[in-house]
């Protein structure tokens, strides 16, 4: 089993991940919900830096982000896999 979705909290150094067999929008949404639930409401801005996996730009993910405005998603430049 791989761990396709993980995050690093730069304030604490804690890594949070969701291990699944696939890398679809639903797996990313599971991770986003986990981050949302475990991050205090006083944290007003959560910045996500993502690679260019198509699931990161999917309609379900964009709809979820539209409802959770404290999340901001930025993407690595295309053809820069060495930055992952």
PDB file of N, CA and C in Angstrom:
ATOM      1  N   UNK A   1       0.845  -1.175   0.000  1.00  0.00           N
ATOM      2  CA  UNK A   1       0.000   0.000   0.000  1.00  0.00           C
ATOM      3  C   UNK A   1       0.889   1.236   0.000  1.00  0.00           C
ATOM      4  N   UNK A   2       0.562   2.185  -0.832  1.00  0.00           N
ATOM      5  CA  UNK A   2       1.339   3.418  -0.895  1.00  0.00           C
ATOM      6  C   UNK A   2       0.684   4.493  -0.043  1.00  0.00           C
ATOM      7  N   UNK A   3       1.364   5.585   0.135  1.00  0.00           N
ATOM      8  CA  UNK A   3       0.824   6.717   0.881  1.00  0.00           C
ATOM      9  C   UNK A   3       0.820   7.928  -0.044  1.00  0.00           C
ATOM     10  N   UNK A   4      -0.178   8.024  -0.929  1.00  0.00           N
ATOM     11  CA  UNK A   4      -0.163   9.057  -1.946  1.00  0.00           C
ATOM     12  C   UNK A   4      -0.449  10.450  -1.431  1.00  0.00           C
ATOM     13  N   UNK A   5      -1.057  10.588  -0.293  1.00  0.00           N
ATOM     14  CA  UNK A   5      -1.455  11.897   0.184  1.00  0.00           C
ATOM     15  C   UNK A   5      -0.889  12.143   1.570  1.00  0.00           C
ATOM     16  N   UNK A   6      -0.019  13.130   1.671  1.00  0.00           N
ATOM     17  CA  UNK A   6       0.526  13.461   2.973  1.00  0.00           C
ATOM     18  C   UNK A   6       0.820  14.953   3.036  1.00  0.00           C
ATOM     19  N   UNK A   7       0.888  15.461   4.248  1.00  0.00           N
ATOM     20  CA  UNK A   7       1.146  16.881   4.460  1.00  0.00           C
ATOM     21  C   UNK A   7       2.208  17.046   5.536  1.00  0.00           C
ATOM     22  N   UNK A   8       2.830  18.202   5.521  1.00  0.00           N
ATOM     23  CA  UNK A   8       3.806  18.569   6.545  1.00  0.00           C
ATOM     24  C   UNK A   8       3.349  19.879   7.157  1.00  0.00           C
ATOM     25  N   UNK A   9       3.137  19.878   8.447  1.00  0.00           N
ATOM     26  CA  UNK A   9       2.809  21.104   9.165  1.00  0.00           C
ATOM     27  C   UNK A   9       4.121  21.802   9.468  1.00  0.00           C
ATOM     28  N   UNK A  10       4.391  22.899   8.791  1.00  0.00           N
ATOM     29  CA  UNK A  10       5.677  23.580   8.949  1.00  0.00           C
ATOM     30  C   UNK A  10       5.830  24.235  10.315  1.00  0.00           C
ATOM     31  N   UNK A  11       4.732  24.416  11.035  1.00  0.00           N
ATOM     32  CA  UNK A  11       4.830  24.987  12.378  1.00  0.00           C
ATOM     33  C   UNK A  11       5.307  23.968  13.398  1.00  0.00           C
ATOM     34  N   UNK A  12       4.862  22.711  13.242  1.00  0.00           N
ATOM     35  CA  UNK A  12       5.165  21.692  14.244  1.00  0.00           C
ATOM     36  C   UNK A  12       6.105  20.602  13.747  1.00  0.00           C
ATOM     37  N   UNK A  13       6.249  20.471  12.428  1.00  0.00           N
ATOM     38  CA  UNK A  13       7.045  19.402  11.846  1.00  0.00           C
ATOM     39  C   UNK A  13       6.297  18.087  11.749  1.00  0.00           C
ATOM     40  N   UNK A  14       5.017  18.087  12.118  1.00  0.00           N
ATOM     41  CA  UNK A  14       4.196  16.877  12.080  1.00  0.00           C
ATOM     42  C   UNK A  14       3.802  16.540  10.648  1.00  0.00           C
ATOM     43  N   UNK A  15       3.891  15.248  10.318  1.00  0.00           N
ATOM     44  CA  UNK A  15       3.454  14.760   9.015  1.00  0.00           C
ATOM     45  C   UNK A  15       2.126  14.051   9.221  1.00  0.00           C
ATOM     46  N   UNK A  16       1.174  14.382   8.364  1.00  0.00           N
ATOM     47  CA  UNK A  16      -0.151  13.801   8.424  1.00  0.00           C
ATOM     48  C   UNK A  16      -0.416  13.152   7.078  1.00  0.00           C
ATOM     49  N   UNK A  17      -0.852  11.915   7.070  1.00  0.00           N
ATOM     50  CA  UNK A  17      -1.062  11.237   5.793  1.00  0.00           C
ATOM     51  C   UNK A  17      -2.270  10.343   5.786  1.00  0.00           C
ATOM     52  N   UNK A  18      -2.744  10.067   4.579  1.00  0.00           N
ATOM     53  CA  UNK A  18      -3.835   9.133   4.350  1.00  0.00           C
ATOM     54  C   UNK A  18      -3.311   8.095   3.372  1.00  0.00           C
ATOM     55  N   UNK A  19      -3.186   6.856   3.820  1.00  0.00           N
ATOM     56  CA  UNK A  19      -2.644   5.799   2.957  1.00  0.00           C
ATOM     57  C   UNK A  19      -3.776   5.054   2.262  1.00  0.00           C
ATOM     58  N   UNK A  20      -3.716   5.077   0.954  1.00  0.00           N
ATOM     59  CA  UNK A  20      -4.721   4.402   0.133  1.00  0.00           C
ATOM     60  C   UNK A  20      -4.032   3.756  -1.059  1.00  0.00           C
ATOM     61  N   UNK A  21      -4.713   2.846  -1.707  1.00  0.00           N
ATOM     62  CA  UNK A  21      -4.162   2.170  -2.890  1.00  0.00           C
ATOM     63  C   UNK A  21      -4.204   3.048  -4.127  1.00  0.00           C
ATOM     64  N   UNK A  22      -5.122   3.993  -4.177  1.00  0.00           N
ATOM     65  CA  UNK A  22      -5.315   4.794  -5.380  1.00  0.00           C
ATOM     66  C   UNK A  22      -5.055   6.269  -5.095  1.00  0.00           C
ATOM     67  N   UNK A  23      -4.912   7.055  -6.153  1.00  0.00           N
ATOM     68  CA  UNK A  23      -4.664   8.496  -6.052  1.00  0.00           C
ATOM     69  C   UNK A  23      -5.746   9.232  -6.830  1.00  0.00           C
ATOM     70  N   UNK A  24      -6.940   9.264  -6.247  1.00  0.00           N
ATOM     71  CA  UNK A  24      -8.065   9.924  -6.897  1.00  0.00           C
ATOM     72  C   UNK A  24      -8.499  11.122  -6.061  1.00  0.00           C
ATOM     73  N   UNK A  25      -9.506  11.824  -6.554  1.00  0.00           N
ATOM     74  CA  UNK A  25     -10.007  12.968  -5.813  1.00  0.00           C
ATOM     75  C   UNK A  25     -10.485  12.572  -4.420  1.00  0.00           C
ATOM     76  N   UNK A  26     -11.137  11.425  -4.309  1.00  0.00           N
ATOM     77  CA  UNK A  26     -11.680  11.024  -3.014  1.00  0.00           C
ATOM     78  C   UNK A  26     -10.582  10.859  -1.965  1.00  0.00           C
ATOM     79  N   UNK A  27      -9.457  10.316  -2.357  1.00  0.00           N
ATOM     80  CA  UNK A  27      -8.353  10.158  -1.399  1.00  0.00           C
ATOM     81  C   UNK A  27      -7.829  11.524  -0.957  1.00  0.00           C
ATOM     82  N   UNK A  28      -7.760  12.467  -1.882  1.00  0.00           N
ATOM     83  CA  UNK A  28      -7.338  13.826  -1.524  1.00  0.00           C
ATOM     84  C   UNK A  28      -8.379  14.480  -0.618  1.00  0.00           C
ATOM     85  N   UNK A  29      -9.641  14.286  -0.914  1.00  0.00           N
ATOM     86  CA  UNK A  29     -10.690  14.847  -0.062  1.00  0.00           C
ATOM     87  C   UNK A  29     -10.635  14.269   1.349  1.00  0.00           C
ATOM     88  N   UNK A  30     -10.314  12.992   1.464  1.00  0.00           N
ATOM     89  CA  UNK A  30     -10.150  12.382   2.788  1.00  0.00           C
ATOM     90  C   UNK A  30      -9.048  13.092   3.568  1.00  0.00           C
ATOM     91  N   UNK A  31      -7.945  13.382   2.892  1.00  0.00           N
ATOM     92  CA  UNK A  31      -6.834  14.084   3.537  1.00  0.00           C
ATOM     93  C   UNK A  31      -7.236  15.509   3.909  1.00  0.00           C
ATOM     94  N   UNK A  32      -7.897  16.208   3.005  1.00  0.00           N
ATOM     95  CA  UNK A  32      -8.317  17.582   3.293  1.00  0.00           C
ATOM     96  C   UNK A  32      -9.265  17.627   4.490  1.00  0.00           C
ATOM     97  N   UNK A  33     -10.187  16.677   4.573  1.00  0.00           N
ATOM     98  CA  UNK A  33     -11.100  16.620   5.721  1.00  0.00           C
ATOM     99  C   UNK A  33     -10.330  16.376   7.016  1.00  0.00           C
ATOM    100  N   UNK A  34      -9.336  15.501   6.962  1.00  0.00           N
ATOM    101  CA  UNK A  34      -8.518  15.218   8.141  1.00  0.00           C
ATOM    102  C   UNK A  34      -7.770  16.475   8.592  1.00  0.00           C
ATOM    103  N   UNK A  35      -7.187  17.190   7.639  1.00  0.00           N
ATOM    104  CA  UNK A  35      -6.487  18.441   7.960  1.00  0.00           C
ATOM    105  C   UNK A  35      -7.483  19.429   8.566  1.00  0.00           C
ATOM    106  N   UNK A  36      -8.633  19.555   7.945  1.00  0.00           N
ATOM    107  CA  UNK A  36      -9.663  20.495   8.413  1.00  0.00           C
ATOM    108  C   UNK A  36     -10.079  20.179   9.852  1.00  0.00           C
ATOM    109  N   UNK A  37     -10.289  18.906  10.144  1.00  0.00           N
ATOM    110  CA  UNK A  37     -10.732  18.496  11.475  1.00  0.00           C
ATOM    111  C   UNK A  37      -9.653  18.676  12.530  1.00  0.00           C
ATOM    112  N   UNK A  38      -8.393  18.470  12.158  1.00  0.00           N
ATOM    113  CA  UNK A  38      -7.314  18.514  13.147  1.00  0.00           C
ATOM    114  C   UNK A  38      -6.668  19.886  13.288  1.00  0.00           C
ATOM    115  N   UNK A  39      -7.049  20.825  12.456  1.00  0.00           N
ATOM    116  CA  UNK A  39      -6.476  22.167  12.535  1.00  0.00           C
ATOM    117  C   UNK A  39      -7.451  23.067  13.273  1.00  0.00           C
ATOM    118  N   UNK A  40      -6.987  23.722  14.330  1.00  0.00           N
ATOM    119  CA  UNK A  40      -7.884  24.593  15.090  1.00  0.00           C
ATOM    120  C   UNK A  40      -8.535  25.659  14.209  1.00  0.00           C
ATOM    121  N   UNK A  41      -9.752  26.036  14.554  1.00  0.00           N
ATOM    122  CA  UNK A  41     -10.469  27.059  13.810  1.00  0.00           C
ATOM    123  C   UNK A  41      -9.781  28.409  13.818  1.00  0.00           C
ATOM    124  N   UNK A  42      -8.904  28.611  14.806  1.00  0.00           N
ATOM    125  CA  UNK A  42      -8.181  29.885  14.879  1.00  0.00           C
ATOM    126  C   UNK A  42      -7.159  30.041  13.755  1.00  0.00           C
ATOM    127  N   UNK A  43      -6.783  28.933  13.122  1.00  0.00           N
ATOM    128  CA  UNK A  43      -5.872  28.985  11.973  1.00  0.00           C
ATOM    129  C   UNK A  43      -6.701  29.394  10.772  1.00  0.00           C
ATOM    130  N   UNK A  44      -6.459  30.585  10.271  1.00  0.00           N
ATOM    131  CA  UNK A  44      -7.299  31.153   9.227  1.00  0.00           C
ATOM    132  C   UNK A  44      -6.826  30.842   7.806  1.00  0.00           C
ATOM    133  N   UNK A  45      -5.592  30.397   7.658  1.00  0.00           N
ATOM    134  CA  UNK A  45      -5.049  30.157   6.319  1.00  0.00           C
ATOM    135  C   UNK A  45      -4.242  28.864   6.324  1.00  0.00           C
ATOM    136  N   UNK A  46      -4.599  27.965   5.427  1.00  0.00           N
ATOM    137  CA  UNK A  46      -3.875  26.716   5.253  1.00  0.00           C
ATOM    138  C   UNK A  46      -3.433  26.672   3.797  1.00  0.00           C
ATOM    139  N   UNK A  47      -2.125  26.679   3.589  1.00  0.00           N
ATOM    140  CA  UNK A  47      -1.564  26.705   2.240  1.00  0.00           C
ATOM    141  C   UNK A  47      -1.161  25.294   1.843  1.00  0.00           C
ATOM    142  N   UNK A  48      -1.642  24.862   0.690  1.00  0.00           N
ATOM    143  CA  UNK A  48      -1.321  23.546   0.144  1.00  0.00           C
ATOM    144  C   UNK A  48      -0.471  23.741  -1.098  1.00  0.00           C
ATOM    145  N   UNK A  49       0.685  23.107  -1.141  1.00  0.00           N
ATOM    146  CA  UNK A  49       1.534  23.148  -2.324  1.00  0.00           C
ATOM    147  C   UNK A  49       1.506  21.750  -2.924  1.00  0.00           C
ATOM    148  N   UNK A  50       0.970  21.658  -4.137  1.00  0.00           N
ATOM    149  CA  UNK A  50       0.694  20.358  -4.749  1.00  0.00           C
ATOM    150  C   UNK A  50       1.462  20.183  -6.055  1.00  0.00           C
ATOM    151  N   UNK A  51       1.672  18.924  -6.407  1.00  0.00           N
ATOM    152  CA  UNK A  51       2.192  18.645  -7.740  1.00  0.00           C
ATOM    153  C   UNK A  51       1.024  18.729  -8.718  1.00  0.00           C
ATOM    154  N   UNK A  52       1.235  18.394  -9.963  1.00  0.00           N
ATOM    155  CA  UNK A  52       0.216  18.579 -10.984  1.00  0.00           C
ATOM    156  C   UNK A  52      -0.611  17.335 -11.275  1.00  0.00           C
ATOM    157  N   UNK A  53      -0.804  16.489 -10.281  1.00  0.00           N
ATOM    158  CA  UNK A  53      -1.688  15.340 -10.421  1.00  0.00           C
ATOM    159  C   UNK A  53      -3.087  15.846 -10.767  1.00  0.00           C
ATOM    160  N   UNK A  54      -3.732  15.254 -11.744  1.00  0.00           N
ATOM    161  CA  UNK A  54      -5.040  15.749 -12.198  1.00  0.00           C
ATOM    162  C   UNK A  54      -6.085  15.745 -11.083  1.00  0.00           C
ATOM    163  N   UNK A  55      -5.983  14.848 -10.148  1.00  0.00           N
ATOM    164  CA  UNK A  55      -6.947  14.798  -9.041  1.00  0.00           C
ATOM    165  C   UNK A  55      -6.929  16.077  -8.210  1.00  0.00           C
ATOM    166  N   UNK A  56      -5.799  16.758  -8.158  1.00  0.00           N
ATOM    167  CA  UNK A  56      -5.698  17.991  -7.375  1.00  0.00           C
ATOM    168  C   UNK A  56      -6.536  19.119  -7.970  1.00  0.00           C
ATOM    169  N   UNK A  57      -6.839  19.028  -9.258  1.00  0.00           N
ATOM    170  CA  UNK A  57      -7.604  20.076  -9.934  1.00  0.00           C
ATOM    171  C   UNK A  57      -9.032  19.638 -10.271  1.00  0.00           C
ATOM    172  N   UNK A  58      -9.444  18.497  -9.754  1.00  0.00           N
ATOM    173  CA  UNK A  58     -10.754  17.940 -10.079  1.00  0.00           C
ATOM    174  C   UNK A  58     -11.917  18.773  -9.568  1.00  0.00           C
ATOM    175  N   UNK A  59     -13.084  18.547 -10.155  1.00  0.00           N
ATOM    176  CA  UNK A  59     -14.287  19.313  -9.811  1.00  0.00           C
ATOM    177  C   UNK A  59     -14.701  19.119  -8.356  1.00  0.00           C
ATOM    178  N   UNK A  60     -14.610  17.895  -7.867  1.00  0.00           N
ATOM    179  CA  UNK A  60     -14.990  17.636  -6.471  1.00  0.00           C
ATOM    180  C   UNK A  60     -14.065  18.366  -5.505  1.00  0.00           C
ATOM    181  N   UNK A  61     -12.776  18.346  -5.818  1.00  0.00           N
ATOM    182  CA  UNK A  61     -11.793  19.029  -4.961  1.00  0.00           C
ATOM    183  C   UNK A  61     -12.023  20.530  -5.015  1.00  0.00           C
ATOM    184  N   UNK A  62     -12.241  21.077  -6.202  1.00  0.00           N
ATOM    185  CA  UNK A  62     -12.479  22.517  -6.329  1.00  0.00           C
ATOM    186  C   UNK A  62     -13.750  22.932  -5.592  1.00  0.00           C
ATOM    187  N   UNK A  63     -14.794  22.105  -5.649  1.00  0.00           N
ATOM    188  CA  UNK A  63     -16.026  22.397  -4.919  1.00  0.00           C
ATOM    189  C   UNK A  63     -15.771  22.397  -3.413  1.00  0.00           C
ATOM    190  N   UNK A  64     -14.989  21.421  -2.944  1.00  0.00           N
ATOM    191  CA  UNK A  64     -14.675  21.351  -1.521  1.00  0.00           C
ATOM    192  C   UNK A  64     -13.885  22.592  -1.094  1.00  0.00           C
ATOM    193  N   UNK A  65     -12.897  22.969  -1.887  1.00  0.00           N
ATOM    194  CA  UNK A  65     -12.100  24.153  -1.563  1.00  0.00           C
ATOM    195  C   UNK A  65     -12.964  25.414  -1.557  1.00  0.00           C
ATOM    196  N   UNK A  66     -13.955  25.474  -2.428  1.00  0.00           N
ATOM    197  CA  UNK A  66     -14.862  26.622  -2.464  1.00  0.00           C
ATOM    198  C   UNK A  66     -15.668  26.772  -1.190  1.00  0.00           C
ATOM    199  N   UNK A  67     -15.918  25.671  -0.501  1.00  0.00           N
ATOM    200  CA  UNK A  67     -16.667  25.688   0.757  1.00  0.00           C
ATOM    201  C   UNK A  67     -15.756  25.880   1.966  1.00  0.00           C
ATOM    202  N   UNK A  68     -14.469  25.689   1.790  1.00  0.00           N
ATOM    203  CA  UNK A  68     -13.501  25.788   2.882  1.00  0.00           C
ATOM    204  C   UNK A  68     -12.464  26.832   2.491  1.00  0.00           C
ATOM    205  N   UNK A  69     -12.823  28.080   2.667  1.00  0.00           N
ATOM    206  CA  UNK A  69     -12.052  29.195   2.136  1.00  0.00           C
ATOM    207  C   UNK A  69     -10.696  29.399   2.817  1.00  0.00           C
ATOM    208  N   UNK A  70     -10.452  28.797   3.949  1.00  0.00           N
ATOM    209  CA  UNK A  70      -9.136  28.985   4.576  1.00  0.00           C
ATOM    210  C   UNK A  70      -8.048  28.171   3.889  1.00  0.00           C
ATOM    211  N   UNK A  71      -8.437  27.253   3.020  1.00  0.00           N
ATOM    212  CA  UNK A  71      -7.484  26.447   2.257  1.00  0.00           C
ATOM    213  C   UNK A  71      -7.135  27.169   0.957  1.00  0.00           C
ATOM    214  N   UNK A  72      -5.851  27.277   0.673  1.00  0.00           N
ATOM    215  CA  UNK A  72      -5.373  27.840  -0.584  1.00  0.00           C
ATOM    216  C   UNK A  72      -4.455  26.815  -1.237  1.00  0.00           C
ATOM    217  N   UNK A  73      -4.682  26.529  -2.501  1.00  0.00           N
ATOM    218  CA  UNK A  73      -3.904  25.510  -3.194  1.00  0.00           C
ATOM    219  C   UNK A  73      -3.033  26.160  -4.266  1.00  0.00           C
ATOM    220  N   UNK A  74      -1.745  25.860  -4.207  1.00  0.00           N
ATOM    221  CA  UNK A  74      -0.781  26.319  -5.211  1.00  0.00           C
ATOM    222  C   UNK A  74      -0.147  25.088  -5.835  1.00  0.00           C
ATOM    223  N   UNK A  75       0.291  25.231  -7.075  1.00  0.00           N
ATOM    224  CA  UNK A  75       0.839  24.096  -7.810  1.00  0.00           C
ATOM    225  C   UNK A  75       2.279  24.342  -8.219  1.00  0.00           C
ATOM    226  N   UNK A  76       3.068  23.267  -8.176  1.00  0.00           N
ATOM    227  CA  UNK A  76       4.429  23.337  -8.702  1.00  0.00           C
ATOM    228  C   UNK A  76       4.366  23.586 -10.191  1.00  0.00           C
ATOM    229  N   UNK A  77       5.385  24.218 -10.743  1.00  0.00           N
ATOM    230  CA  UNK A  77       5.400  24.415 -12.206  1.00  0.00           C
ATOM    231  C   UNK A  77       5.373  23.079 -12.932  1.00  0.00           C
ATOM    232  N   UNK A  78       4.736  23.068 -14.105  1.00  0.00           N
ATOM    233  CA  UNK A  78       4.690  21.861 -14.935  1.00  0.00           C
ATOM    234  C   UNK A  78       6.126  21.492 -15.354  1.00  0.00           C
ATOM    235  N   UNK A  79       6.405  20.210 -15.467  1.00  0.00           N
ATOM    236  CA  UNK A  79       7.719  19.683 -15.869  1.00  0.00           C
ATOM    237  C   UNK A  79       8.801  19.969 -14.831  1.00  0.00           C
ATOM    238  N   UNK A  80       8.421  20.056 -13.572  1.00  0.00           N
ATOM    239  CA  UNK A  80       9.404  20.275 -12.492  1.00  0.00           C
ATOM    240  C   UNK A  80       9.292  19.175 -11.451  1.00  0.00           C
ATOM    241  N   UNK A  81       9.234  17.932 -11.888  1.00  0.00           N
ATOM    242  CA  UNK A  81       9.071  16.820 -10.951  1.00  0.00           C
ATOM    243  C   UNK A  81      10.202  16.761  -9.938  1.00  0.00           C
ATOM    244  N   UNK A  82      11.351  17.309 -10.271  1.00  0.00           N
ATOM    245  CA  UNK A  82      12.488  17.316  -9.347  1.00  0.00           C
ATOM    246  C   UNK A  82      12.191  18.158  -8.112  1.00  0.00           C
ATOM    247  N   UNK A  83      11.150  18.989  -8.154  1.00  0.00           N
ATOM    248  CA  UNK A  83      10.799  19.822  -7.000  1.00  0.00           C
ATOM    249  C   UNK A  83       9.917  19.078  -5.993  1.00  0.00           C
ATOM    250  N   UNK A  84       9.375  17.907  -6.369  1.00  0.00           N
ATOM    251  CA  UNK A  84       8.506  17.149  -5.455  1.00  0.00           C
ATOM    252  C   UNK A  84       9.258  16.765  -4.207  1.00  0.00           C
TER     253      UNK A  84
END
